[in-house]
Amino acid sequence: GYTVWGQEPVDDFREGRWMDTYHLIWFRPSSVNFMFPGGVPEKYLA
């Protein structure tokens, strides 16, 4: 149930090159209406 919400560029350096990092978030389904009173953003629905 985690969703990628952002990508951080040049976050780490390995093997002589920079690596980007994905940031992910998991929402407890029973709490989303409380956290998003205006409606859950579409990118998190799946």
ModelCIF file with pLDDT and N, C-alpha, C, O atoms, coordinates in Angstrom:
data_MODEL
#
_entry.id   MODEL 
#
_entity.id                         1 
_entity.type                       polymer 
_entity.pdbx_number_of_molecules   1 
#
_entity_poly.entity_id                      1 
_entity_poly.type                           'polypeptide(L)' 
_entity_poly.nstd_linkage                   no 
_entity_poly.nstd_monomer                   no 
_entity_poly.pdbx_seq_one_letter_code       GYTVWGQEPVDDFREGRWMDTYHLIWFRPSSVNFMFPGGVPEKYLA 
_entity_poly.pdbx_seq_one_letter_code_can   GYTVWGQEPVDDFREGRWMDTYHLIWFRPSSVNFMFPGGVPEKYLA 
_entity_poly.pdbx_strand_id                 A 
#
loop_
_entity_poly_seq.entity_id 
_entity_poly_seq.num 
_entity_poly_seq.mon_id 
_entity_poly_seq.hetero 
1 1  GLY n 
1 2  TYR n 
1 3  THR n 
1 4  VAL n 
1 5  TRP n 
1 6  GLY n 
1 7  GLN n 
1 8  GLU n 
1 9  PRO n 
1 10 VAL n 
1 11 ASP n 
1 12 ASP n 
1 13 PHE n 
1 14 ARG n 
1 15 GLU n 
1 16 GLY n 
1 17 ARG n 
1 18 TRP n 
1 19 MET n 
1 20 ASP n 
1 21 THR n 
1 22 TYR n 
1 23 HIS n 
1 24 LEU n 
1 25 ILE n 
1 26 TRP n 
1 27 PHE n 
1 28 ARG n 
1 29 PRO n 
1 30 SER n 
1 31 SER n 
1 32 VAL n 
1 33 ASN n 
1 34 PHE n 
1 35 MET n 
1 36 PHE n 
1 37 PRO n 
1 38 GLY n 
1 39 GLY n 
1 40 VAL n 
1 41 PRO n 
1 42 GLU n 
1 43 LYS n 
1 44 TYR n 
1 45 LEU n 
1 46 ALA n 
#
_struct_asym.id          A 
_struct_asym.entity_id   1 
#
loop_
_ma_qa_metric.id 
_ma_qa_metric.mode 
_ma_qa_metric.name 
_ma_qa_metric.software_group_id 
_ma_qa_metric.type 
1 global pLDDT . pLDDT 
2 local  pLDDT . pLDDT 
#
_ma_qa_metric_global.metric_id      1 
_ma_qa_metric_global.metric_value   96.50 
_ma_qa_metric_global.model_id       1 
_ma_qa_metric_global.ordinal_id     1 
#
loop_
_ma_qa_metric_local.label_asym_id 
_ma_qa_metric_local.label_comp_id 
_ma_qa_metric_local.label_seq_id 
_ma_qa_metric_local.metric_id 
_ma_qa_metric_local.metric_value 
_ma_qa_metric_local.model_id 
_ma_qa_metric_local.ordinal_id 
A GLY 1  2 98.00 1 1  
A TYR 2  2 98.00 1 2  
A THR 3  2 98.00 1 3  
A VAL 4  2 98.00 1 4  
A TRP 5  2 98.00 1 5  
A GLY 6  2 98.00 1 6  
A GLN 7  2 98.00 1 7  
A GLU 8  2 97.00 1 8  
A PRO 9  2 97.00 1 9  
A VAL 10 2 96.00 1 10 
A ASP 11 2 93.00 1 11 
A ASP 12 2 93.00 1 12 
A PHE 13 2 94.00 1 13 
A ARG 14 2 93.00 1 14 
A GLU 15 2 93.00 1 15 
A GLY 16 2 95.00 1 16 
A ARG 17 2 95.00 1 17 
A TRP 18 2 97.00 1 18 
A MET 19 2 96.00 1 19 
A ASP 20 2 97.00 1 20 
A THR 21 2 97.00 1 21 
A TYR 22 2 98.00 1 22 
A HIS 23 2 98.00 1 23 
A LEU 24 2 98.00 1 24 
A ILE 25 2 98.00 1 25 
A TRP 26 2 98.00 1 26 
A PHE 27 2 98.00 1 27 
A ARG 28 2 98.00 1 28 
A PRO 29 2 97.00 1 29 
A SER 30 2 96.00 1 30 
A SER 31 2 96.00 1 31 
A VAL 32 2 96.00 1 32 
A ASN 33 2 94.00 1 33 
A PHE 34 2 93.00 1 34 
A MET 35 2 95.00 1 35 
A PHE 36 2 97.00 1 36 
A PRO 37 2 96.00 1 37 
A GLY 38 2 96.00 1 38 
A GLY 39 2 96.00 1 39 
A VAL 40 2 97.00 1 40 
A PRO 41 2 97.00 1 41 
A GLU 42 2 97.00 1 42 
A LYS 43 2 97.00 1 43 
A TYR 44 2 98.00 1 44 
A LEU 45 2 98.00 1 45 
A ALA 46 2 98.00 1 46 
#
loop_
_atom_site.group_PDB 
_atom_site.id 
_atom_site.type_symbol 
_atom_site.label_atom_id 
_atom_site.label_alt_id 
_atom_site.label_comp_id 
_atom_site.label_asym_id 
_atom_site.label_entity_id 
_atom_site.label_seq_id 
_atom_site.pdbx_PDB_ins_code 
_atom_site.Cartn_x 
_atom_site.Cartn_y 
_atom_site.Cartn_z 
_atom_site.occupancy 
_atom_site.B_iso_or_equiv 
_atom_site.pdbx_formal_charge 
_atom_site.auth_seq_id 
_atom_site.auth_comp_id 
_atom_site.auth_asym_id 
_atom_site.auth_atom_id 
_atom_site.pdbx_PDB_model_num 
ATOM 1   N N  . GLY A 1 1  ? 0.744   -1.246 0.000   1.00 98.00 ? 1  GLY A N  1 
ATOM 2   C CA . GLY A 1 1  ? 0.000   0.000  0.000   1.00 98.00 ? 1  GLY A CA 1 
ATOM 3   C C  . GLY A 1 1  ? 0.775   1.299  0.000   1.00 98.00 ? 1  GLY A C  1 
ATOM 4   O O  . GLY A 1 1  ? 0.169   2.371  -0.005  1.00 98.00 ? 1  GLY A O  1 
ATOM 5   N N  . TYR A 1 2  ? 2.091   1.241  0.006   1.00 98.00 ? 2  TYR A N  1 
ATOM 6   C CA . TYR A 1 2  ? 2.872   2.480  -0.072  1.00 98.00 ? 2  TYR A CA 1 
ATOM 7   C C  . TYR A 1 2  ? 2.721   3.122  -1.456  1.00 98.00 ? 2  TYR A C  1 
ATOM 8   O O  . TYR A 1 2  ? 2.519   2.433  -2.456  1.00 98.00 ? 2  TYR A O  1 
ATOM 9   N N  . THR A 1 3  ? 2.823   4.450  -1.491  1.00 98.00 ? 3  THR A N  1 
ATOM 10  C CA . THR A 1 3  ? 2.751   5.213  -2.732  1.00 98.00 ? 3  THR A CA 1 
ATOM 11  C C  . THR A 1 3  ? 3.954   6.143  -2.824  1.00 98.00 ? 3  THR A C  1 
ATOM 12  O O  . THR A 1 3  ? 4.292   6.823  -1.855  1.00 98.00 ? 3  THR A O  1 
ATOM 13  N N  . VAL A 1 4  ? 4.594   6.173  -3.976  1.00 98.00 ? 4  VAL A N  1 
ATOM 14  C CA . VAL A 1 4  ? 5.665   7.143  -4.208  1.00 98.00 ? 4  VAL A CA 1 
ATOM 15  C C  . VAL A 1 4  ? 5.043   8.531  -4.332  1.00 98.00 ? 4  VAL A C  1 
ATOM 16  O O  . VAL A 1 4  ? 4.167   8.757  -5.166  1.00 98.00 ? 4  VAL A O  1 
ATOM 17  N N  . TRP A 1 5  ? 5.505   9.455  -3.492  1.00 98.00 ? 5  TRP A N  1 
ATOM 18  C CA . TRP A 1 5  ? 4.968   10.815 -3.570  1.00 98.00 ? 5  TRP A CA 1 
ATOM 19  C C  . TRP A 1 5  ? 5.995   11.834 -4.062  1.00 98.00 ? 5  TRP A C  1 
ATOM 20  O O  . TRP A 1 5  ? 5.636   12.963 -4.394  1.00 98.00 ? 5  TRP A O  1 
ATOM 21  N N  . GLY A 1 6  ? 7.271   11.443 -4.110  1.00 98.00 ? 6  GLY A N  1 
ATOM 22  C CA . GLY A 1 6  ? 8.272   12.397 -4.576  1.00 98.00 ? 6  GLY A CA 1 
ATOM 23  C C  . GLY A 1 6  ? 9.593   11.719 -4.889  1.00 98.00 ? 6  GLY A C  1 
ATOM 24  O O  . GLY A 1 6  ? 9.854   10.593 -4.465  1.00 98.00 ? 6  GLY A O  1 
ATOM 25  N N  . GLN A 1 7  ? 10.413  12.429 -5.636  1.00 98.00 ? 7  GLN A N  1 
ATOM 26  C CA . GLN A 1 7  ? 11.743  11.927 -5.997  1.00 98.00 ? 7  GLN A CA 1 
ATOM 27  C C  . GLN A 1 7  ? 12.781  12.985 -5.663  1.00 98.00 ? 7  GLN A C  1 
ATOM 28  O O  . GLN A 1 7  ? 12.700  14.126 -6.120  1.00 98.00 ? 7  GLN A O  1 
ATOM 29  N N  . GLU A 1 8  ? 13.764  12.585 -4.855  1.00 97.00 ? 8  GLU A N  1 
ATOM 30  C CA . GLU A 1 8  ? 14.830  13.502 -4.444  1.00 97.00 ? 8  GLU A CA 1 
ATOM 31  C C  . GLU A 1 8  ? 16.070  13.257 -5.298  1.00 97.00 ? 8  GLU A C  1 
ATOM 32  O O  . GLU A 1 8  ? 16.598  12.145 -5.298  1.00 97.00 ? 8  GLU A O  1 
ATOM 33  N N  . PRO A 1 9  ? 16.544  14.261 -6.023  1.00 97.00 ? 9  PRO A N  1 
ATOM 34  C CA . PRO A 1 9  ? 17.698  14.059 -6.900  1.00 97.00 ? 9  PRO A CA 1 
ATOM 35  C C  . PRO A 1 9  ? 19.019  14.050 -6.129  1.00 97.00 ? 9  PRO A C  1 
ATOM 36  O O  . PRO A 1 9  ? 19.138  14.624 -5.047  1.00 97.00 ? 9  PRO A O  1 
ATOM 37  N N  . VAL A 1 10 ? 19.992  13.388 -6.719  1.00 96.00 ? 10 VAL A N  1 
ATOM 38  C CA . VAL A 1 10 ? 21.381  13.317 -6.220  1.00 96.00 ? 10 VAL A CA 1 
ATOM 39  C C  . VAL A 1 10 ? 21.428  13.225 -4.692  1.00 96.00 ? 10 VAL A C  1 
ATOM 40  O O  . VAL A 1 10 ? 22.076  14.034 -4.028  1.00 96.00 ? 10 VAL A O  1 
ATOM 41  N N  . ASP A 1 11 ? 20.734  12.231 -4.154  1.00 93.00 ? 11 ASP A N  1 
ATOM 42  C CA . ASP A 1 11 ? 20.594  12.091 -2.703  1.00 93.00 ? 11 ASP A CA 1 
ATOM 43  C C  . ASP A 1 11 ? 21.710  11.266 -2.089  1.00 93.00 ? 11 ASP A C  1 
ATOM 44  O O  . ASP A 1 11 ? 21.991  11.406 -0.898  1.00 93.00 ? 11 ASP A O  1 
ATOM 45  N N  . ASP A 1 12 ? 22.353  10.409 -2.872  1.00 93.00 ? 12 ASP A N  1 
ATOM 46  C CA . ASP A 1 12 ? 23.421  9.578  -2.336  1.00 93.00 ? 12 ASP A CA 1 
ATOM 47  C C  . ASP A 1 12 ? 24.429  9.283  -3.435  1.00 93.00 ? 12 ASP A C  1 
ATOM 48  O O  . ASP A 1 12 ? 24.126  9.397  -4.622  1.00 93.00 ? 12 ASP A O  1 
ATOM 49  N N  . PHE A 1 13 ? 25.636  8.899  -3.018  1.00 94.00 ? 13 PHE A N  1 
ATOM 50  C CA . PHE A 1 13 ? 26.735  8.704  -3.969  1.00 94.00 ? 13 PHE A CA 1 
ATOM 51  C C  . PHE A 1 13 ? 27.312  7.310  -3.776  1.00 94.00 ? 13 PHE A C  1 
ATOM 52  O O  . PHE A 1 13 ? 27.821  6.991  -2.702  1.00 94.00 ? 13 PHE A O  1 
ATOM 53  N N  . ARG A 1 14 ? 27.237  6.475  -4.817  1.00 93.00 ? 14 ARG A N  1 
ATOM 54  C CA . ARG A 1 14 ? 27.748  5.121  -4.789  1.00 93.00 ? 14 ARG A CA 1 
ATOM 55  C C  . ARG A 1 14 ? 28.368  4.783  -6.148  1.00 93.00 ? 14 ARG A C  1 
ATOM 56  O O  . ARG A 1 14 ? 27.901  5.248  -7.188  1.00 93.00 ? 14 ARG A O  1 
ATOM 57  N N  . GLU A 1 15 ? 29.399  3.986  -6.124  1.00 93.00 ? 15 GLU A N  1 
ATOM 58  C CA . GLU A 1 15 ? 30.032  3.486  -7.348  1.00 93.00 ? 15 GLU A CA 1 
ATOM 59  C C  . GLU A 1 15 ? 30.407  4.612  -8.312  1.00 93.00 ? 15 GLU A C  1 
ATOM 60  O O  . GLU A 1 15 ? 30.327  4.456  -9.531  1.00 93.00 ? 15 GLU A O  1 
ATOM 61  N N  . GLY A 1 16 ? 30.818  5.752  -7.742  1.00 95.00 ? 16 GLY A N  1 
ATOM 62  C CA . GLY A 1 16 ? 31.251  6.871  -8.567  1.00 95.00 ? 16 GLY A CA 1 
ATOM 63  C C  . GLY A 1 16 ? 30.146  7.635  -9.253  1.00 95.00 ? 16 GLY A C  1 
ATOM 64  O O  . GLY A 1 16 ? 30.405  8.371  -10.206 1.00 95.00 ? 16 GLY A O  1 
ATOM 65  N N  . ARG A 1 17 ? 28.911  7.479  -8.790  1.00 95.00 ? 17 ARG A N  1 
ATOM 66  C CA . ARG A 1 17 ? 27.792  8.172  -9.430  1.00 95.00 ? 17 ARG A CA 1 
ATOM 67  C C  . ARG A 1 17 ? 26.751  8.538  -8.386  1.00 95.00 ? 17 ARG A C  1 
ATOM 68  O O  . ARG A 1 17 ? 26.696  7.952  -7.305  1.00 95.00 ? 17 ARG A O  1 
ATOM 69  N N  . TRP A 1 18 ? 25.923  9.525  -8.734  1.00 97.00 ? 18 TRP A N  1 
ATOM 70  C CA . TRP A 1 18 ? 24.853  9.961  -7.853  1.00 97.00 ? 18 TRP A CA 1 
ATOM 71  C C  . TRP A 1 18 ? 23.615  9.098  -8.040  1.00 97.00 ? 18 TRP A C  1 
ATOM 72  O O  . TRP A 1 18 ? 23.342  8.609  -9.136  1.00 97.00 ? 18 TRP A O  1 
ATOM 73  N N  . MET A 1 19 ? 22.874  8.920  -6.960  1.00 96.00 ? 19 MET A N  1 
ATOM 74  C CA . MET A 1 19 ? 21.618  8.179  -6.998  1.00 96.00 ? 19 MET A CA 1 
ATOM 75  C C  . MET A 1 19 ? 20.482  9.069  -6.510  1.00 96.00 ? 19 MET A C  1 
ATOM 76  O O  . MET A 1 19 ? 20.643  9.851  -5.573  1.00 96.00 ? 19 MET A O  1 
ATOM 77  N N  . ASP A 1 20 ? 19.325  8.935  -7.168  1.00 97.00 ? 20 ASP A N  1 
ATOM 78  C CA . ASP A 1 20 ? 18.116  9.605  -6.715  1.00 97.00 ? 20 ASP A CA 1 
ATOM 79  C C  . ASP A 1 20 ? 17.369  8.695  -5.734  1.00 97.00 ? 20 ASP A C  1 
ATOM 80  O O  . ASP A 1 20 ? 17.595  7.485  -5.690  1.00 97.00 ? 20 ASP A O  1 
ATOM 81  N N  . THR A 1 21 ? 16.486  9.297  -4.960  1.00 97.00 ? 21 THR A N  1 
ATOM 82  C CA . THR A 1 21 ? 15.730  8.551  -3.954  1.00 97.00 ? 21 THR A CA 1 
ATOM 83  C C  . THR A 1 21 ? 14.239  8.822  -4.105  1.00 97.00 ? 21 THR A C  1 
ATOM 84  O O  . THR A 1 21 ? 13.816  9.969  -4.248  1.00 97.00 ? 21 THR A O  1 
ATOM 85  N N  . TYR A 1 22 ? 13.443  7.742  -4.072  1.00 98.00 ? 22 TYR A N  1 
ATOM 86  C CA . TYR A 1 22 ? 11.988  7.866  -3.999  1.00 98.00 ? 22 TYR A CA 1 
ATOM 87  C C  . TYR A 1 22 ? 11.567  7.992  -2.535  1.00 98.00 ? 22 TYR A C  1 
ATOM 88  O O  . TYR A 1 22 ? 12.116  7.322  -1.661  1.00 98.00 ? 22 TYR A O  1 
ATOM 89  N N  . HIS A 1 23 ? 10.596  8.852  -2.283  1.00 98.00 ? 23 HIS A N  1 
ATOM 90  C CA . HIS A 1 23 ? 9.968   8.939  -0.971  1.00 98.00 ? 23 HIS A CA 1 
ATOM 91  C C  . HIS A 1 23 ? 8.546   8.385  -1.079  1.00 98.00 ? 23 HIS A C  1 
ATOM 92  O O  . HIS A 1 23 ? 7.790   8.747  -1.981  1.00 98.00 ? 23 HIS A O  1 
ATOM 93  N N  . LEU A 1 24 ? 8.201   7.503  -0.145  1.00 98.00 ? 24 LEU A N  1 
ATOM 94  C CA . LEU A 1 24 ? 6.912   6.823  -0.180  1.00 98.00 ? 24 LEU A CA 1 
ATOM 95  C C  . LEU A 1 24 ? 6.145   7.061  1.119   1.00 98.00 ? 24 LEU A C  1 
ATOM 96  O O  . LEU A 1 24 ? 6.731   7.364  2.158   1.00 98.00 ? 24 LEU A O  1 
ATOM 97  N N  . ILE A 1 25 ? 4.818   6.918  1.037   1.00 98.00 ? 25 ILE A N  1 
ATOM 98  C CA . ILE A 1 25 ? 3.975   7.051  2.210   1.00 98.00 ? 25 ILE A CA 1 
ATOM 99  C C  . ILE A 1 25 ? 2.872   6.002  2.168   1.00 98.00 ? 25 ILE A C  1 
ATOM 100 O O  . ILE A 1 25 ? 2.351   5.665  1.105   1.00 98.00 ? 25 ILE A O  1 
ATOM 101 N N  . TRP A 1 26 ? 2.529   5.491  3.351   1.00 98.00 ? 26 TRP A N  1 
ATOM 102 C CA . TRP A 1 26 ? 1.427   4.533  3.531   1.00 98.00 ? 26 TRP A CA 1 
ATOM 103 C C  . TRP A 1 26 ? 0.376   5.195  4.401   1.00 98.00 ? 26 TRP A C  1 
ATOM 104 O O  . TRP A 1 26 ? 0.690   5.759  5.449   1.00 98.00 ? 26 TRP A O  1 
ATOM 105 N N  . PHE A 1 27 ? -0.885  5.125  3.958   1.00 98.00 ? 27 PHE A N  1 
ATOM 106 C CA . PHE A 1 27 ? -1.999  5.679  4.730   1.00 98.00 ? 27 PHE A CA 1 
ATOM 107 C C  . PHE A 1 27 ? -2.877  4.558  5.268   1.00 98.00 ? 27 PHE A C  1 
ATOM 108 O O  . PHE A 1 27 ? -3.205  3.616  4.547   1.00 98.00 ? 27 PHE A O  1 
ATOM 109 N N  . ARG A 1 28 ? -3.256  4.663  6.534   1.00 98.00 ? 28 ARG A N  1 
ATOM 110 C CA . ARG A 1 28 ? -4.222  3.710  7.075   1.00 98.00 ? 28 ARG A CA 1 
ATOM 111 C C  . ARG A 1 28 ? -5.590  4.040  6.483   1.00 98.00 ? 28 ARG A C  1 
ATOM 112 O O  . ARG A 1 28 ? -6.096  5.148  6.665   1.00 98.00 ? 28 ARG A O  1 
ATOM 113 N N  . PRO A 1 29 ? -6.182  3.092  5.781   1.00 97.00 ? 29 PRO A N  1 
ATOM 114 C CA . PRO A 1 29 ? -7.412  3.400  5.040   1.00 97.00 ? 29 PRO A CA 1 
ATOM 115 C C  . PRO A 1 29 ? -8.540  3.979  5.889   1.00 97.00 ? 29 PRO A C  1 
ATOM 116 O O  . PRO A 1 29 ? -9.274  4.850  5.421   1.00 97.00 ? 29 PRO A O  1 
ATOM 117 N N  . SER A 1 30 ? -8.689  3.518  7.115   1.00 96.00 ? 30 SER A N  1 
ATOM 118 C CA . SER A 1 30 ? -9.788  3.994  7.960   1.00 96.00 ? 30 SER A CA 1 
ATOM 119 C C  . SER A 1 30 ? -9.599  5.430  8.431   1.00 96.00 ? 30 SER A C  1 
ATOM 120 O O  . SER A 1 30 ? -10.515 6.015  9.008   1.00 96.00 ? 30 SER A O  1 
ATOM 121 N N  . SER A 1 31 ? -8.426  6.006  8.193   1.00 96.00 ? 31 SER A N  1 
ATOM 122 C CA . SER A 1 31 ? -8.136  7.354  8.696   1.00 96.00 ? 31 SER A CA 1 
ATOM 123 C C  . SER A 1 31 ? -8.056  8.414  7.611   1.00 96.00 ? 31 SER A C  1 
ATOM 124 O O  . SER A 1 31 ? -7.876  9.593  7.916   1.00 96.00 ? 31 SER A O  1 
ATOM 125 N N  . VAL A 1 32 ? -8.186  8.017  6.349   1.00 96.00 ? 32 VAL A N  1 
ATOM 126 C CA . VAL A 1 32 ? -7.896  8.980  5.274   1.00 96.00 ? 32 VAL A CA 1 
ATOM 127 C C  . VAL A 1 32 ? -8.913  10.114 5.212   1.00 96.00 ? 32 VAL A C  1 
ATOM 128 O O  . VAL A 1 32 ? -8.547  11.235 4.861   1.00 96.00 ? 32 VAL A O  1 
ATOM 129 N N  . ASN A 1 33 ? -10.169 9.860  5.541   1.00 94.00 ? 33 ASN A N  1 
ATOM 130 C CA . ASN A 1 33 ? -11.157 10.941 5.493   1.00 94.00 ? 33 ASN A CA 1 
ATOM 131 C C  . ASN A 1 33 ? -10.874 11.989 6.564   1.00 94.00 ? 33 ASN A C  1 
ATOM 132 O O  . ASN A 1 33 ? -11.145 13.174 6.373   1.00 94.00 ? 33 ASN A O  1 
ATOM 133 N N  . PHE A 1 34 ? -10.327 11.543 7.690   1.00 93.00 ? 34 PHE A N  1 
ATOM 134 C CA . PHE A 1 34 ? -9.923  12.463 8.745   1.00 93.00 ? 34 PHE A CA 1 
ATOM 135 C C  . PHE A 1 34 ? -8.722  13.293 8.298   1.00 93.00 ? 34 PHE A C  1 
ATOM 136 O O  . PHE A 1 34 ? -8.650  14.490 8.577   1.00 93.00 ? 34 PHE A O  1 
ATOM 137 N N  . MET A 1 35 ? -7.778  12.651 7.601   1.00 95.00 ? 35 MET A N  1 
ATOM 138 C CA . MET A 1 35 ? -6.564  13.357 7.174   1.00 95.00 ? 35 MET A CA 1 
ATOM 139 C C  . MET A 1 35 ? -6.809  14.240 5.959   1.00 95.00 ? 35 MET A C  1 
ATOM 140 O O  . MET A 1 35 ? -6.132  15.253 5.784   1.00 95.00 ? 35 MET A O  1 
ATOM 141 N N  . PHE A 1 36 ? -7.769  13.866 5.119   1.00 97.00 ? 36 PHE A N  1 
ATOM 142 C CA . PHE A 1 36 ? -8.066  14.633 3.908   1.00 97.00 ? 36 PHE A CA 1 
ATOM 143 C C  . PHE A 1 36 ? -9.544  15.027 3.910   1.00 97.00 ? 36 PHE A C  1 
ATOM 144 O O  . PHE A 1 36 ? -10.316 14.455 3.140   1.00 97.00 ? 36 PHE A O  1 
ATOM 145 N N  . PRO A 1 37 ? -9.967  15.982 4.743   1.00 96.00 ? 37 PRO A N  1 
ATOM 146 C CA . PRO A 1 37 ? -11.390 16.351 4.817   1.00 96.00 ? 37 PRO A CA 1 
ATOM 147 C C  . PRO A 1 37 ? -11.926 16.917 3.511   1.00 96.00 ? 37 PRO A C  1 
ATOM 148 O O  . PRO A 1 37 ? -13.133 16.898 3.267   1.00 96.00 ? 37 PRO A O  1 
ATOM 149 N N  . GLY A 1 38 ? -11.032 17.417 2.679   1.00 96.00 ? 38 GLY A N  1 
ATOM 150 C CA . GLY A 1 38 ? -11.469 17.954 1.392   1.00 96.00 ? 38 GLY A CA 1 
ATOM 151 C C  . GLY A 1 38 ? -11.463 16.927 0.272   1.00 96.00 ? 38 GLY A C  1 
ATOM 152 O O  . GLY A 1 38 ? -11.726 17.260 -0.884  1.00 96.00 ? 38 GLY A O  1 
ATOM 153 N N  . GLY A 1 39 ? -11.161 15.671 0.615   1.00 96.00 ? 39 GLY A N  1 
ATOM 154 C CA . GLY A 1 39 ? -11.103 14.625 -0.401  1.00 96.00 ? 39 GLY A CA 1 
ATOM 155 C C  . GLY A 1 39 ? -9.687  14.105 -0.590  1.00 96.00 ? 39 GLY A C  1 
ATOM 156 O O  . GLY A 1 39 ? -8.730  14.879 -0.592  1.00 96.00 ? 39 GLY A O  1 
ATOM 157 N N  . VAL A 1 40 ? -9.557  12.802 -0.747  1.00 97.00 ? 40 VAL A N  1 
ATOM 158 C CA . VAL A 1 40 ? -8.243  12.186 -0.911  1.00 97.00 ? 40 VAL A CA 1 
ATOM 159 C C  . VAL A 1 40 ? -7.696  12.492 -2.299  1.00 97.00 ? 40 VAL A C  1 
ATOM 160 O O  . VAL A 1 40 ? -8.392  12.258 -3.287  1.00 97.00 ? 40 VAL A O  1 
ATOM 161 N N  . PRO A 1 41 ? -6.449  13.016 -2.411  1.00 97.00 ? 41 PRO A N  1 
ATOM 162 C CA . PRO A 1 41 ? -5.853  13.253 -3.729  1.00 97.00 ? 41 PRO A CA 1 
ATOM 163 C C  . PRO A 1 41 ? -5.819  11.967 -4.554  1.00 97.00 ? 41 PRO A C  1 
ATOM 164 O O  . PRO A 1 41 ? -5.556  10.882 -4.035  1.00 97.00 ? 41 PRO A O  1 
ATOM 165 N N  . GLU A 1 42 ? -6.086  12.114 -5.823  1.00 97.00 ? 42 GLU A N  1 
ATOM 166 C CA . GLU A 1 42 ? -6.217  10.944 -6.701  1.00 97.00 ? 42 GLU A CA 1 
ATOM 167 C C  . GLU A 1 42 ? -4.962  10.079 -6.721  1.00 97.00 ? 42 GLU A C  1 
ATOM 168 O O  . GLU A 1 42 ? -5.050  8.858  -6.847  1.00 97.00 ? 42 GLU A O  1 
ATOM 169 N N  . LYS A 1 43 ? -3.794  10.709 -6.599  1.00 97.00 ? 43 LYS A N  1 
ATOM 170 C CA . LYS A 1 43 ? -2.554  9.940  -6.717  1.00 97.00 ? 43 LYS A CA 1 
ATOM 171 C C  . LYS A 1 43 ? -2.370  8.938  -5.584  1.00 97.00 ? 43 LYS A C  1 
ATOM 172 O O  . LYS A 1 43 ? -1.541  8.034  -5.687  1.00 97.00 ? 43 LYS A O  1 
ATOM 173 N N  . TYR A 1 44 ? -3.141  9.091  -4.493  1.00 98.00 ? 44 TYR A N  1 
ATOM 174 C CA . TYR A 1 44 ? -3.006  8.170  -3.363  1.00 98.00 ? 44 TYR A CA 1 
ATOM 175 C C  . TYR A 1 44 ? -4.073  7.078  -3.353  1.00 98.00 ? 44 TYR A C  1 
ATOM 176 O O  . TYR A 1 44 ? -3.972  6.138  -2.565  1.00 98.00 ? 44 TYR A O  1 
ATOM 177 N N  . LEU A 1 45 ? -5.079  7.176  -4.197  1.00 98.00 ? 45 LEU A N  1 
ATOM 178 C CA . LEU A 1 45 ? -6.226  6.276  -4.112  1.00 98.00 ? 45 LEU A CA 1 
ATOM 179 C C  . LEU A 1 45 ? -5.848  4.818  -4.328  1.00 98.00 ? 45 LEU A C  1 
ATOM 180 O O  . LEU A 1 45 ? -6.295  3.946  -3.583  1.00 98.00 ? 45 LEU A O  1 
ATOM 181 N N  . ALA A 1 46 ? -5.034  4.546  -5.335  1.00 98.00 ? 46 ALA A N  1 
ATOM 182 C CA . ALA A 1 46 ? -4.666  3.152  -5.620  1.00 98.00 ? 46 ALA A CA 1 
ATOM 183 C C  . ALA A 1 46 ? -3.874  2.558  -4.467  1.00 98.00 ? 46 ALA A C  1 
ATOM 184 O O  . ALA A 1 46 ? -3.478  1.394  -4.526  1.00 98.00 ? 46 ALA A O  1 
#
